[in-house]
Amino acid sequence: RALVSQRYQDPYTKETKSYAQFVAESFSCVVLPITKEGCVLAVRQYRHGDNAITIALPAGKHKYPEQMPEAAAREEVAEETGGYEPEKVIPLTEGAINLEPAYSRLFFYPFLFTGCRQTNLEAKPDEGEYIELVPILMSEWLEMGLNGQMLDPLAMITTMLSLKHLGYKLHT
């Protein structure tokens, strides 16, 4: 990840201006993993950007250049949850989402994993990562989002995109 200073031509005024943009040569994956019992496999961990221990969804960037988003997502969930694997994988978008298009090029792929079950794999967090698995009933997870207790925008976006796949419908 880097901060890049660039010049661009304003499409309206045609003036040349400067701006700074965050860029990353990698992508991240964010996963809403749900067990057969209806629990979200959330994780509690220290987040440098928040300078706090927060509850979020398993997430992380790909480990090598040719790794595909689904493989990276599976690896992150297994690493951060202590070996859980999905019965079904649902990509929630056709492509990556830019986290903040106004000033960055930081992309992530959101996934829904359903029917998650624990395997004999062990948790292998990255060096310096201390993660605690926090199973939360889906109804409680949604309440956390509605009550402002879910503060991670990636978790909010991924949860919202998952709702139609989980049978939730908007009231009209």
N, C-alpha and C. Protein backbone atom coordinates (compact mmCIF):
# COMPACT_ATOMS: atom_id res chain seq x y z
N ARG A 1 0.84 -1.17 0.00
CA ARG A 1 0.00 0.00 0.00
C ARG A 1 0.88 1.23 0.00
N ALA A 2 0.42 2.25 -0.71
CA ALA A 2 1.22 3.47 -0.82
C ALA A 2 0.30 4.67 -1.00
N LEU A 3 0.84 5.82 -0.69
CA LEU A 3 0.18 7.09 -0.95
C LEU A 3 0.87 7.68 -2.16
N VAL A 4 0.10 7.92 -3.23
CA VAL A 4 0.66 8.38 -4.49
C VAL A 4 0.12 9.77 -4.79
N SER A 5 1.01 10.69 -5.10
CA SER A 5 0.61 12.03 -5.51
C SER A 5 0.58 12.06 -7.03
N GLN A 6 -0.54 12.51 -7.59
CA GLN A 6 -0.68 12.53 -9.05
C GLN A 6 -1.34 13.83 -9.50
N ARG A 7 -1.28 14.06 -10.78
CA ARG A 7 -1.96 15.19 -11.38
C ARG A 7 -3.05 14.64 -12.30
N TYR A 8 -4.14 15.37 -12.42
CA TYR A 8 -5.21 14.94 -13.30
C TYR A 8 -5.87 16.16 -13.92
N GLN A 9 -6.59 15.93 -14.99
CA GLN A 9 -7.33 17.00 -15.63
C GLN A 9 -8.78 16.92 -15.16
N ASP A 10 -9.24 18.00 -14.53
CA ASP A 10 -10.62 18.06 -14.06
C ASP A 10 -11.54 17.95 -15.28
N PRO A 11 -12.46 16.96 -15.29
CA PRO A 11 -13.29 16.76 -16.48
C PRO A 11 -14.29 17.90 -16.73
N TYR A 12 -14.52 18.74 -15.74
CA TYR A 12 -15.47 19.84 -15.90
C TYR A 12 -14.80 21.15 -16.29
N THR A 13 -13.70 21.48 -15.57
CA THR A 13 -13.04 22.77 -15.82
C THR A 13 -11.86 22.66 -16.76
N LYS A 14 -11.40 21.43 -17.00
CA LYS A 14 -10.21 21.14 -17.83
C LYS A 14 -8.92 21.64 -17.20
N GLU A 15 -8.98 22.09 -15.94
CA GLU A 15 -7.78 22.52 -15.22
C GLU A 15 -6.97 21.30 -14.79
N THR A 16 -5.64 21.45 -14.74
CA THR A 16 -4.79 20.39 -14.22
C THR A 16 -4.64 20.63 -12.72
N LYS A 17 -4.92 19.57 -11.93
CA LYS A 17 -4.89 19.67 -10.47
C LYS A 17 -4.08 18.52 -9.90
N SER A 18 -3.72 18.64 -8.63
CA SER A 18 -2.99 17.59 -7.92
C SER A 18 -3.93 16.92 -6.93
N TYR A 19 -3.67 15.65 -6.67
CA TYR A 19 -4.39 14.94 -5.63
C TYR A 19 -3.53 13.79 -5.13
N ALA A 20 -3.88 13.30 -3.96
CA ALA A 20 -3.18 12.14 -3.38
C ALA A 20 -4.17 10.99 -3.33
N GLN A 21 -3.68 9.80 -3.62
CA GLN A 21 -4.53 8.62 -3.66
C GLN A 21 -3.82 7.45 -2.98
N PHE A 22 -4.58 6.71 -2.13
CA PHE A 22 -4.06 5.48 -1.56
C PHE A 22 -4.22 4.39 -2.61
N VAL A 23 -3.18 3.61 -2.84
CA VAL A 23 -3.25 2.51 -3.80
C VAL A 23 -2.69 1.24 -3.16
N ALA A 24 -3.17 0.12 -3.65
CA ALA A 24 -2.66 -1.17 -3.20
C ALA A 24 -2.53 -2.06 -4.42
N GLU A 25 -1.47 -2.82 -4.46
CA GLU A 25 -1.28 -3.75 -5.57
C GLU A 25 -1.95 -5.09 -5.29
N SER A 26 -2.55 -5.20 -4.14
CA SER A 26 -3.20 -6.45 -3.77
C SER A 26 -4.69 -6.19 -3.57
N PHE A 27 -5.42 -7.24 -3.27
CA PHE A 27 -6.83 -7.11 -2.92
C PHE A 27 -7.06 -7.85 -1.62
N SER A 28 -8.17 -7.53 -1.00
CA SER A 28 -8.58 -8.21 0.22
C SER A 28 -9.88 -8.95 -0.02
N CYS A 29 -10.19 -9.85 0.89
CA CYS A 29 -11.47 -10.56 0.89
C CYS A 29 -12.09 -10.38 2.26
N VAL A 30 -13.40 -10.24 2.30
CA VAL A 30 -14.15 -10.15 3.54
C VAL A 30 -15.25 -11.20 3.45
N VAL A 31 -15.42 -11.97 4.52
CA VAL A 31 -16.35 -13.10 4.48
C VAL A 31 -17.33 -13.03 5.64
N LEU A 32 -18.62 -13.23 5.32
CA LEU A 32 -19.63 -13.45 6.34
C LEU A 32 -19.82 -14.96 6.42
N PRO A 33 -19.13 -15.62 7.38
CA PRO A 33 -19.27 -17.07 7.52
C PRO A 33 -20.39 -17.40 8.52
N ILE A 34 -21.30 -18.25 8.10
CA ILE A 34 -22.43 -18.62 8.95
C ILE A 34 -22.45 -20.13 9.11
N THR A 35 -22.60 -20.57 10.35
CA THR A 35 -22.65 -22.00 10.64
C THR A 35 -24.04 -22.56 10.30
N LYS A 36 -24.15 -23.88 10.30
CA LYS A 36 -25.44 -24.53 10.06
C LYS A 36 -26.45 -24.15 11.15
N GLU A 37 -25.94 -23.79 12.31
CA GLU A 37 -26.80 -23.40 13.44
C GLU A 37 -27.22 -21.94 13.37
N GLY A 38 -26.76 -21.20 12.37
CA GLY A 38 -27.16 -19.80 12.20
C GLY A 38 -26.30 -18.79 12.95
N CYS A 39 -25.08 -19.18 13.29
CA CYS A 39 -24.17 -18.25 13.97
C CYS A 39 -23.18 -17.64 12.98
N VAL A 40 -23.00 -16.34 13.09
CA VAL A 40 -21.95 -15.65 12.34
C VAL A 40 -20.64 -15.92 13.07
N LEU A 41 -19.61 -16.31 12.33
CA LEU A 41 -18.30 -16.54 12.92
C LEU A 41 -17.51 -15.23 12.84
N ALA A 42 -17.79 -14.34 13.79
CA ALA A 42 -17.10 -13.05 13.87
C ALA A 42 -15.77 -13.24 14.60
N VAL A 43 -14.91 -12.26 14.47
CA VAL A 43 -13.61 -12.32 15.15
C VAL A 43 -13.36 -11.03 15.91
N ARG A 44 -12.75 -11.19 17.07
CA ARG A 44 -12.35 -10.03 17.89
C ARG A 44 -10.84 -9.92 17.77
N GLN A 45 -10.39 -8.72 17.38
CA GLN A 45 -8.96 -8.52 17.23
C GLN A 45 -8.62 -7.03 17.30
N TYR A 46 -7.35 -6.76 17.56
CA TYR A 46 -6.85 -5.39 17.57
C TYR A 46 -6.75 -4.89 16.14
N ARG A 47 -7.27 -3.71 15.88
CA ARG A 47 -7.20 -3.09 14.55
C ARG A 47 -6.39 -1.81 14.67
N HIS A 48 -5.29 -1.76 13.94
CA HIS A 48 -4.38 -0.62 14.02
C HIS A 48 -5.07 0.70 13.66
N GLY A 49 -5.88 0.70 12.62
CA GLY A 49 -6.54 1.93 12.18
C GLY A 49 -7.49 2.50 13.22
N ASP A 50 -8.13 1.63 14.01
CA ASP A 50 -9.04 2.06 15.06
C ASP A 50 -8.32 2.23 16.41
N ASN A 51 -7.11 1.68 16.50
CA ASN A 51 -6.37 1.66 17.77
C ASN A 51 -7.25 1.07 18.88
N ALA A 52 -7.93 -0.02 18.52
CA ALA A 52 -8.85 -0.64 19.47
C ALA A 52 -9.05 -2.10 19.10
N ILE A 53 -9.55 -2.86 20.07
CA ILE A 53 -9.97 -4.23 19.82
C ILE A 53 -11.42 -4.17 19.37
N THR A 54 -11.71 -4.71 18.20
CA THR A 54 -13.05 -4.63 17.63
C THR A 54 -13.55 -6.00 17.22
N ILE A 55 -14.85 -6.07 16.95
CA ILE A 55 -15.44 -7.28 16.40
C ILE A 55 -15.71 -7.02 14.93
N ALA A 56 -15.26 -7.94 14.09
CA ALA A 56 -15.41 -7.79 12.64
C ALA A 56 -15.60 -9.17 12.03
N LEU A 57 -15.55 -9.22 10.72
CA LEU A 57 -15.63 -10.48 10.00
C LEU A 57 -14.23 -10.93 9.60
N PRO A 58 -14.03 -12.23 9.39
CA PRO A 58 -12.74 -12.69 8.89
C PRO A 58 -12.42 -11.99 7.55
N ALA A 59 -11.21 -11.52 7.45
CA ALA A 59 -10.81 -10.77 6.25
C ALA A 59 -9.30 -10.76 6.15
N GLY A 60 -8.82 -10.47 4.96
CA GLY A 60 -7.39 -10.33 4.77
C GLY A 60 -7.05 -10.28 3.30
N LYS A 61 -5.80 -9.93 3.03
CA LYS A 61 -5.39 -9.82 1.63
C LYS A 61 -4.83 -11.13 1.13
N HIS A 62 -4.77 -11.22 -0.19
CA HIS A 62 -4.27 -12.45 -0.78
C HIS A 62 -2.78 -12.58 -0.49
N LYS A 63 -2.30 -13.83 -0.48
CA LYS A 63 -0.93 -14.11 -0.03
C LYS A 63 0.09 -14.16 -1.15
N TYR A 64 -0.34 -14.47 -2.37
CA TYR A 64 0.59 -14.53 -3.49
C TYR A 64 -0.12 -14.05 -4.75
N PRO A 65 0.62 -13.55 -5.74
CA PRO A 65 0.02 -12.88 -6.90
C PRO A 65 -1.04 -13.66 -7.66
N GLU A 66 -0.87 -14.94 -7.83
CA GLU A 66 -1.84 -15.71 -8.63
C GLU A 66 -3.01 -16.26 -7.82
N GLN A 67 -3.06 -15.99 -6.52
CA GLN A 67 -4.16 -16.49 -5.70
C GLN A 67 -5.47 -15.81 -6.08
N MET A 68 -6.48 -16.59 -6.31
CA MET A 68 -7.80 -16.07 -6.70
C MET A 68 -8.57 -15.65 -5.46
N PRO A 69 -9.56 -14.75 -5.61
CA PRO A 69 -10.30 -14.25 -4.45
C PRO A 69 -10.94 -15.35 -3.59
N GLU A 70 -11.59 -16.35 -4.19
CA GLU A 70 -12.23 -17.38 -3.37
C GLU A 70 -11.20 -18.16 -2.55
N ALA A 71 -10.07 -18.46 -3.13
CA ALA A 71 -9.02 -19.19 -2.40
C ALA A 71 -8.50 -18.34 -1.24
N ALA A 72 -8.32 -17.05 -1.47
CA ALA A 72 -7.87 -16.16 -0.40
C ALA A 72 -8.92 -16.09 0.71
N ALA A 73 -10.19 -16.01 0.33
CA ALA A 73 -11.27 -15.94 1.32
C ALA A 73 -11.32 -17.22 2.16
N ARG A 74 -11.22 -18.39 1.51
CA ARG A 74 -11.23 -19.66 2.24
C ARG A 74 -10.06 -19.72 3.23
N GLU A 75 -8.89 -19.29 2.77
CA GLU A 75 -7.69 -19.33 3.61
C GLU A 75 -7.86 -18.42 4.83
N GLU A 76 -8.37 -17.22 4.62
CA GLU A 76 -8.56 -16.29 5.74
C GLU A 76 -9.55 -16.83 6.77
N VAL A 77 -10.65 -17.39 6.30
CA VAL A 77 -11.64 -17.94 7.23
C VAL A 77 -11.04 -19.08 8.03
N ALA A 78 -10.35 -19.99 7.36
CA ALA A 78 -9.72 -21.11 8.07
C ALA A 78 -8.70 -20.61 9.09
N GLU A 79 -7.88 -19.64 8.69
CA GLU A 79 -6.85 -19.10 9.58
C GLU A 79 -7.45 -18.41 10.80
N GLU A 80 -8.49 -17.61 10.58
CA GLU A 80 -8.99 -16.75 11.65
C GLU A 80 -10.06 -17.39 12.52
N THR A 81 -10.67 -18.48 12.06
CA THR A 81 -11.75 -19.10 12.85
C THR A 81 -11.34 -20.41 13.50
N GLY A 82 -10.16 -20.87 13.25
CA GLY A 82 -9.74 -22.13 13.82
C GLY A 82 -10.14 -23.31 12.96
N GLY A 83 -10.19 -23.12 11.65
CA GLY A 83 -10.39 -24.24 10.75
C GLY A 83 -11.78 -24.42 10.20
N TYR A 84 -12.65 -23.45 10.31
CA TYR A 84 -13.99 -23.61 9.74
C TYR A 84 -13.91 -23.56 8.22
N GLU A 85 -14.75 -24.40 7.59
CA GLU A 85 -14.85 -24.44 6.13
C GLU A 85 -16.32 -24.40 5.75
N PRO A 86 -16.63 -23.78 4.60
CA PRO A 86 -18.03 -23.65 4.19
C PRO A 86 -18.55 -24.86 3.42
N GLU A 87 -19.85 -25.04 3.51
CA GLU A 87 -20.52 -26.00 2.65
C GLU A 87 -20.78 -25.34 1.29
N LYS A 88 -21.10 -24.03 1.34
CA LYS A 88 -21.40 -23.30 0.12
C LYS A 88 -20.70 -21.94 0.16
N VAL A 89 -20.13 -21.54 -0.99
CA VAL A 89 -19.46 -20.25 -1.14
C VAL A 89 -20.26 -19.41 -2.12
N ILE A 90 -20.61 -18.20 -1.70
CA ILE A 90 -21.37 -17.31 -2.57
C ILE A 90 -20.59 -16.00 -2.73
N PRO A 91 -20.04 -15.75 -3.92
CA PRO A 91 -19.43 -14.43 -4.17
C PRO A 91 -20.57 -13.41 -4.21
N LEU A 92 -20.42 -12.30 -3.53
CA LEU A 92 -21.51 -11.34 -3.40
C LEU A 92 -21.51 -10.25 -4.47
N THR A 93 -20.44 -10.16 -5.23
CA THR A 93 -20.37 -9.20 -6.34
C THR A 93 -19.64 -9.89 -7.50
N GLU A 94 -19.82 -9.35 -8.69
CA GLU A 94 -19.12 -9.91 -9.85
C GLU A 94 -17.66 -9.52 -9.87
N GLY A 95 -17.34 -8.39 -9.30
CA GLY A 95 -15.96 -7.91 -9.25
C GLY A 95 -15.66 -7.35 -7.88
N ALA A 96 -14.51 -6.73 -7.78
CA ALA A 96 -14.09 -6.15 -6.51
C ALA A 96 -14.80 -4.83 -6.26
N ILE A 97 -14.91 -4.47 -4.99
CA ILE A 97 -15.47 -3.19 -4.57
C ILE A 97 -14.32 -2.29 -4.14
N ASN A 98 -14.34 -1.05 -4.59
CA ASN A 98 -13.34 -0.07 -4.14
C ASN A 98 -13.85 0.51 -2.82
N LEU A 99 -13.08 0.33 -1.77
CA LEU A 99 -13.51 0.73 -0.43
C LEU A 99 -13.85 2.21 -0.34
N GLU A 100 -13.06 3.07 -0.94
CA GLU A 100 -13.32 4.51 -0.87
C GLU A 100 -12.89 5.15 -2.18
N PRO A 101 -13.77 5.12 -3.20
CA PRO A 101 -13.39 5.58 -4.53
C PRO A 101 -13.03 7.06 -4.62
N ALA A 102 -13.38 7.85 -3.63
CA ALA A 102 -13.04 9.27 -3.69
C ALA A 102 -11.54 9.51 -3.58
N TYR A 103 -10.83 8.64 -2.87
CA TYR A 103 -9.40 8.88 -2.68
C TYR A 103 -8.54 7.63 -2.59
N SER A 104 -9.08 6.49 -3.00
CA SER A 104 -8.25 5.30 -2.89
C SER A 104 -8.50 4.32 -4.03
N ARG A 105 -7.61 3.37 -4.11
CA ARG A 105 -7.77 2.20 -4.98
C ARG A 105 -7.44 0.98 -4.11
N LEU A 106 -8.30 0.77 -3.10
CA LEU A 106 -8.17 -0.35 -2.17
C LEU A 106 -9.38 -1.25 -2.39
N PHE A 107 -9.16 -2.39 -3.03
CA PHE A 107 -10.26 -3.24 -3.46
C PHE A 107 -10.45 -4.45 -2.56
N PHE A 108 -11.73 -4.85 -2.40
CA PHE A 108 -12.02 -6.08 -1.66
C PHE A 108 -13.16 -6.84 -2.35
N TYR A 109 -13.14 -8.14 -2.13
CA TYR A 109 -14.17 -9.04 -2.64
C TYR A 109 -14.98 -9.55 -1.45
N PRO A 110 -16.29 -9.30 -1.42
CA PRO A 110 -17.13 -9.82 -0.33
C PRO A 110 -17.69 -11.21 -0.67
N PHE A 111 -17.72 -12.07 0.34
CA PHE A 111 -18.23 -13.43 0.18
C PHE A 111 -19.18 -13.76 1.32
N LEU A 112 -20.11 -14.67 1.03
CA LEU A 112 -20.95 -15.30 2.03
C LEU A 112 -20.58 -16.77 2.03
N PHE A 113 -20.25 -17.31 3.20
CA PHE A 113 -19.99 -18.74 3.36
C PHE A 113 -21.12 -19.28 4.23
N THR A 114 -21.84 -20.29 3.75
CA THR A 114 -22.92 -20.87 4.54
C THR A 114 -22.58 -22.32 4.88
N GLY A 115 -23.28 -22.82 5.90
CA GLY A 115 -23.07 -24.20 6.33
C GLY A 115 -21.68 -24.45 6.86
N CYS A 116 -21.09 -23.45 7.48
CA CYS A 116 -19.70 -23.59 7.96
C CYS A 116 -19.61 -24.62 9.08
N ARG A 117 -18.59 -25.46 8.99
CA ARG A 117 -18.35 -26.48 10.02
C ARG A 117 -16.86 -26.50 10.33
N GLN A 118 -16.57 -26.85 11.57
CA GLN A 118 -15.17 -26.90 11.98
C GLN A 118 -14.52 -28.18 11.47
N THR A 119 -13.30 -28.04 10.99
CA THR A 119 -12.54 -29.17 10.50
C THR A 119 -11.38 -29.41 11.46
N ASN A 120 -10.46 -30.26 11.08
CA ASN A 120 -9.31 -30.52 11.94
C ASN A 120 -8.18 -29.52 11.69
N LEU A 121 -8.43 -28.52 10.84
CA LEU A 121 -7.41 -27.49 10.63
C LEU A 121 -7.29 -26.63 11.88
N GLU A 122 -6.11 -26.13 12.14
CA GLU A 122 -5.96 -25.27 13.31
C GLU A 122 -5.81 -23.82 12.85
N ALA A 123 -6.16 -22.90 13.74
CA ALA A 123 -6.02 -21.48 13.44
C ALA A 123 -4.55 -21.15 13.29
N LYS A 124 -4.24 -20.40 12.24
CA LYS A 124 -2.87 -19.96 12.00
C LYS A 124 -2.88 -18.48 11.63
N PRO A 125 -3.14 -17.63 12.63
CA PRO A 125 -3.16 -16.19 12.32
C PRO A 125 -1.78 -15.72 11.86
N ASP A 126 -1.78 -14.63 11.10
CA ASP A 126 -0.52 -14.05 10.66
C ASP A 126 0.29 -13.59 11.86
N GLU A 127 1.59 -13.44 11.68
CA GLU A 127 2.46 -13.00 12.76
C GLU A 127 1.97 -11.67 13.33
N GLY A 128 1.89 -11.59 14.65
CA GLY A 128 1.44 -10.38 15.31
C GLY A 128 -0.07 -10.22 15.37
N GLU A 129 -0.80 -11.21 14.86
CA GLU A 129 -2.26 -11.18 14.85
C GLU A 129 -2.78 -12.04 16.00
N TYR A 130 -3.59 -11.48 16.86
CA TYR A 130 -4.18 -12.22 17.97
C TYR A 130 -5.69 -12.14 17.79
N ILE A 131 -6.28 -13.28 17.45
CA ILE A 131 -7.68 -13.30 17.07
C ILE A 131 -8.46 -14.25 17.97
N GLU A 132 -9.64 -13.79 18.38
CA GLU A 132 -10.55 -14.61 19.17
C GLU A 132 -11.83 -14.82 18.36
N LEU A 133 -12.25 -16.05 18.21
CA LEU A 133 -13.49 -16.37 17.51
C LEU A 133 -14.66 -16.01 18.41
N VAL A 134 -15.65 -15.31 17.82
CA VAL A 134 -16.83 -14.89 18.57
C VAL A 134 -18.08 -15.28 17.77
N PRO A 135 -18.65 -16.47 18.04
CA PRO A 135 -19.88 -16.86 17.34
C PRO A 135 -21.05 -16.00 17.84
N ILE A 136 -21.79 -15.41 16.90
CA ILE A 136 -22.91 -14.52 17.23
C ILE A 136 -24.11 -14.95 16.38
N LEU A 137 -25.26 -15.16 17.00
CA LEU A 137 -26.46 -15.50 16.24
C LEU A 137 -26.70 -14.43 15.18
N MET A 138 -27.15 -14.85 14.01
CA MET A 138 -27.37 -13.90 12.91
C MET A 138 -28.31 -12.77 13.33
N SER A 139 -29.35 -13.07 14.07
CA SER A 139 -30.29 -12.03 14.51
C SER A 139 -29.57 -11.00 15.39
N GLU A 140 -28.67 -11.46 16.25
CA GLU A 140 -27.90 -10.54 17.10
C GLU A 140 -26.90 -9.73 16.27
N TRP A 141 -26.29 -10.37 15.27
CA TRP A 141 -25.34 -9.68 14.38
C TRP A 141 -26.05 -8.53 13.66
N LEU A 142 -27.26 -8.81 13.16
CA LEU A 142 -28.02 -7.76 12.48
C LEU A 142 -28.40 -6.64 13.45
N GLU A 143 -28.78 -6.99 14.67
CA GLU A 143 -29.08 -5.98 15.68
C GLU A 143 -27.86 -5.10 15.96
N MET A 144 -26.68 -5.72 16.01
CA MET A 144 -25.45 -4.94 16.22
C MET A 144 -25.28 -3.91 15.10
N GLY A 145 -25.58 -4.32 13.87
CA GLY A 145 -25.48 -3.40 12.75
C GLY A 145 -26.48 -2.26 12.85
N LEU A 146 -27.70 -2.59 13.22
CA LEU A 146 -28.75 -1.57 13.31
C LEU A 146 -28.56 -0.63 14.49
N ASN A 147 -27.89 -1.09 15.54
CA ASN A 147 -27.71 -0.29 16.75
C ASN A 147 -26.36 0.42 16.82
N GLY A 148 -25.60 0.37 15.73
CA GLY A 148 -24.32 1.08 15.71
C GLY A 148 -23.21 0.39 16.48
N GLN A 149 -23.38 -0.90 16.74
CA GLN A 149 -22.33 -1.65 17.44
C GLN A 149 -21.38 -2.32 16.47
N MET A 150 -21.77 -2.44 15.21
CA MET A 150 -20.89 -2.98 14.17
C MET A 150 -20.27 -1.76 13.49
N LEU A 151 -19.00 -1.52 13.74
CA LEU A 151 -18.37 -0.29 13.27
C LEU A 151 -17.45 -0.50 12.07
N ASP A 152 -17.29 -1.72 11.64
CA ASP A 152 -16.41 -2.02 10.50
C ASP A 152 -17.22 -1.88 9.21
N PRO A 153 -16.87 -0.92 8.34
CA PRO A 153 -17.65 -0.75 7.11
C PRO A 153 -17.61 -1.97 6.19
N LEU A 154 -16.51 -2.71 6.19
CA LEU A 154 -16.43 -3.92 5.36
C LEU A 154 -17.42 -4.97 5.85
N ALA A 155 -17.56 -5.10 7.16
CA ALA A 155 -18.53 -6.04 7.72
C ALA A 155 -19.95 -5.60 7.38
N MET A 156 -20.21 -4.30 7.45
CA MET A 156 -21.55 -3.80 7.13
C MET A 156 -21.90 -4.05 5.67
N ILE A 157 -20.99 -3.74 4.77
CA ILE A 157 -21.23 -3.93 3.35
C ILE A 157 -21.46 -5.41 3.04
N THR A 158 -20.58 -6.25 3.56
CA THR A 158 -20.67 -7.69 3.29
C THR A 158 -21.97 -8.26 3.85
N THR A 159 -22.35 -7.84 5.05
CA THR A 159 -23.60 -8.30 5.65
C THR A 159 -24.79 -7.87 4.80
N MET A 160 -24.81 -6.62 4.40
CA MET A 160 -25.92 -6.11 3.60
C MET A 160 -26.06 -6.87 2.28
N LEU A 161 -24.94 -7.11 1.61
CA LEU A 161 -24.97 -7.84 0.34
C LEU A 161 -25.41 -9.29 0.51
N SER A 162 -25.24 -9.83 1.71
CA SER A 162 -25.60 -11.22 1.99
C SER A 162 -27.09 -11.44 2.23
N LEU A 163 -27.79 -10.40 2.62
CA LEU A 163 -29.16 -10.57 3.09
C LEU A 163 -30.09 -11.23 2.08
N LYS A 164 -30.00 -10.86 0.81
CA LYS A 164 -30.90 -11.47 -0.18
C LYS A 164 -30.62 -12.96 -0.34
N HIS A 165 -29.38 -13.37 -0.15
CA HIS A 165 -29.03 -14.80 -0.26
C HIS A 165 -29.49 -15.59 0.96
N LEU A 166 -29.78 -14.87 2.04
CA LEU A 166 -30.21 -15.52 3.27
C LEU A 166 -31.72 -15.46 3.46
N GLY A 167 -32.42 -14.95 2.44
CA GLY A 167 -33.88 -14.94 2.49
C GLY A 167 -34.49 -13.70 3.12
N TYR A 168 -33.68 -12.68 3.41
CA TYR A 168 -34.23 -11.45 3.97
C TYR A 168 -34.78 -10.60 2.82
N LYS A 169 -35.93 -10.00 3.05
CA LYS A 169 -36.55 -9.18 2.01
C LYS A 169 -36.84 -7.79 2.58
N LEU A 170 -36.74 -6.80 1.71
CA LEU A 170 -37.09 -5.44 2.10
C LEU A 170 -38.60 -5.31 2.15
N HIS A 171 -39.11 -4.58 3.13
CA HIS A 171 -40.54 -4.33 3.22
C HIS A 171 -40.86 -3.12 2.36
N THR A 172 -41.92 -3.21 1.60
CA THR A 172 -42.32 -2.07 0.76
C THR A 172 -43.68 -1.57 1.13
